[in-house]
């Protein structure tokens, strides 16, 4: 966890086509960029969305997301369920895994 005067660099998750950084309140990861034409864009992820859960498990770092995605793939599933929040709603989306 970064201290108040530290900045945390965003992390690109190439498997999803998004870049994330820790959410301001420390709960989840904020999407800071969505790659054009990526599975994430096609599934509806937008800049500003907060990723709270992947496969019904809370995430607090990019490595958490990568680990959850690897678990989903190892189970032979073709998509991962993400719980997202933004300013006006909470929603679930299924993102196809490449």
Protein backbone atom coordinates (compact mmCIF):
# COMPACT_ATOMS: atom_id res chain seq x y z
CA UNK A 1 0.00 0.00 0.00
CA UNK A 2 1.40 3.37 -0.95
CA UNK A 3 1.89 6.11 1.57
CA UNK A 4 0.10 9.42 1.08
CA UNK A 5 3.08 11.09 -0.57
CA UNK A 6 3.87 8.14 -2.88
CA UNK A 7 2.41 7.68 -6.32
CA UNK A 8 1.59 4.25 -7.63
CA UNK A 9 2.20 3.66 -11.30
CA UNK A 10 -0.72 2.21 -13.26
CA UNK A 11 -0.31 -1.42 -14.33
CA UNK A 12 -1.24 -2.68 -17.77
CA UNK A 13 -3.10 -5.99 -17.84
CA UNK A 14 -2.49 -7.14 -21.40
CA UNK A 15 -4.70 -10.20 -21.04
CA UNK A 16 -7.71 -7.94 -20.53
CA UNK A 17 -6.63 -4.88 -22.48
CA UNK A 18 -6.91 -2.50 -19.52
CA UNK A 19 -4.62 -0.43 -17.33
CA UNK A 20 -5.45 -0.20 -13.62
CA UNK A 21 -4.27 1.70 -10.55
CA UNK A 22 -5.35 1.39 -6.92
CA UNK A 23 -8.68 3.12 -6.28
CA UNK A 24 -8.45 6.34 -4.26
CA UNK A 25 -10.17 4.79 -1.26
CA UNK A 26 -8.00 1.66 -1.47
CA UNK A 27 -10.95 -0.61 -2.25
CA UNK A 28 -10.44 -2.22 -5.65
CA UNK A 29 -8.65 -1.02 -8.77
CA UNK A 30 -9.60 1.90 -10.99
CA UNK A 31 -9.53 1.38 -14.74
CA UNK A 32 -7.32 4.17 -16.11
CA UNK A 33 -7.22 3.05 -19.77
CA UNK A 34 -9.09 0.60 -22.01
CA UNK A 35 -7.41 -0.66 -25.17
CA UNK A 36 -9.40 -0.05 -28.35
CA UNK A 37 -10.84 -3.30 -29.71
CA UNK A 38 -9.96 -5.32 -26.60
CA UNK A 39 -12.23 -7.89 -24.98
CA UNK A 40 -12.58 -5.50 -22.04
CA UNK A 41 -13.84 -2.70 -24.29
CA UNK A 42 -16.25 -5.01 -26.07
CA UNK A 43 -17.57 -6.23 -22.68
CA UNK A 44 -18.23 -2.64 -21.61
CA UNK A 45 -15.36 -1.68 -19.27
CA UNK A 46 -14.81 2.07 -19.19
CA UNK A 47 -12.18 4.41 -17.79
CA UNK A 48 -13.22 5.26 -14.24
CA UNK A 49 -14.79 1.87 -13.48
CA UNK A 50 -13.58 0.31 -10.23
CA UNK A 51 -12.87 -3.43 -10.40
CA UNK A 52 -14.00 -4.80 -7.01
CA UNK A 53 -14.11 -8.57 -7.63
CA UNK A 54 -12.93 -11.09 -10.19
CA UNK A 55 -14.68 -14.45 -10.10
CA UNK A 56 -16.42 -13.42 -6.85
CA UNK A 57 -13.12 -12.75 -5.06
CA UNK A 58 -12.07 -9.27 -3.94
CA UNK A 59 -9.05 -7.72 -5.66
CA UNK A 60 -6.74 -5.02 -4.35
CA UNK A 61 -3.80 -5.23 -6.76
CA UNK A 62 -3.05 -5.94 -10.40
CA UNK A 63 -1.41 -9.21 -9.34
CA UNK A 64 -4.70 -10.19 -7.64
CA UNK A 65 -6.52 -9.73 -10.96
CA UNK A 66 -3.86 -11.69 -12.86
CA UNK A 67 -4.02 -14.51 -10.30
CA UNK A 68 -7.84 -14.70 -10.45
CA UNK A 69 -7.75 -14.73 -14.26
CA UNK A 70 -5.21 -17.57 -14.23
CA UNK A 71 -7.51 -19.50 -11.88
CA UNK A 72 -10.46 -18.97 -14.21
CA UNK A 73 -8.43 -20.15 -17.22
CA UNK A 74 -7.14 -23.19 -15.32
CA UNK A 75 -10.75 -24.24 -14.74
CA UNK A 76 -11.28 -24.25 -18.50
CA UNK A 77 -13.67 -21.29 -18.48
CA UNK A 78 -13.68 -18.92 -21.42
CA UNK A 79 -14.76 -15.75 -19.55
CA UNK A 80 -14.19 -14.09 -16.20
CA UNK A 81 -16.93 -12.42 -14.17
CA UNK A 82 -15.96 -8.94 -12.93
CA UNK A 83 -17.89 -6.83 -10.44
CA UNK A 84 -17.49 -3.16 -11.32
CA UNK A 85 -18.58 0.06 -9.68
CA UNK A 86 -18.61 3.61 -10.91
CA UNK A 87 -20.16 6.85 -9.73
CA UNK A 88 -23.74 5.80 -10.38
CA UNK A 89 -24.00 2.01 -10.29
CA UNK A 90 -22.59 -1.42 -9.60
CA UNK A 91 -22.68 -4.09 -12.28
CA UNK A 92 -21.30 -7.47 -13.28
CA UNK A 93 -19.79 -8.18 -16.69
CA UNK A 94 -18.30 -11.27 -18.27
CA UNK A 95 -15.02 -10.59 -20.07
CA UNK A 96 -13.90 -13.21 -22.59
CA UNK A 97 -10.39 -14.51 -21.97
CA UNK A 98 -8.01 -14.66 -24.93
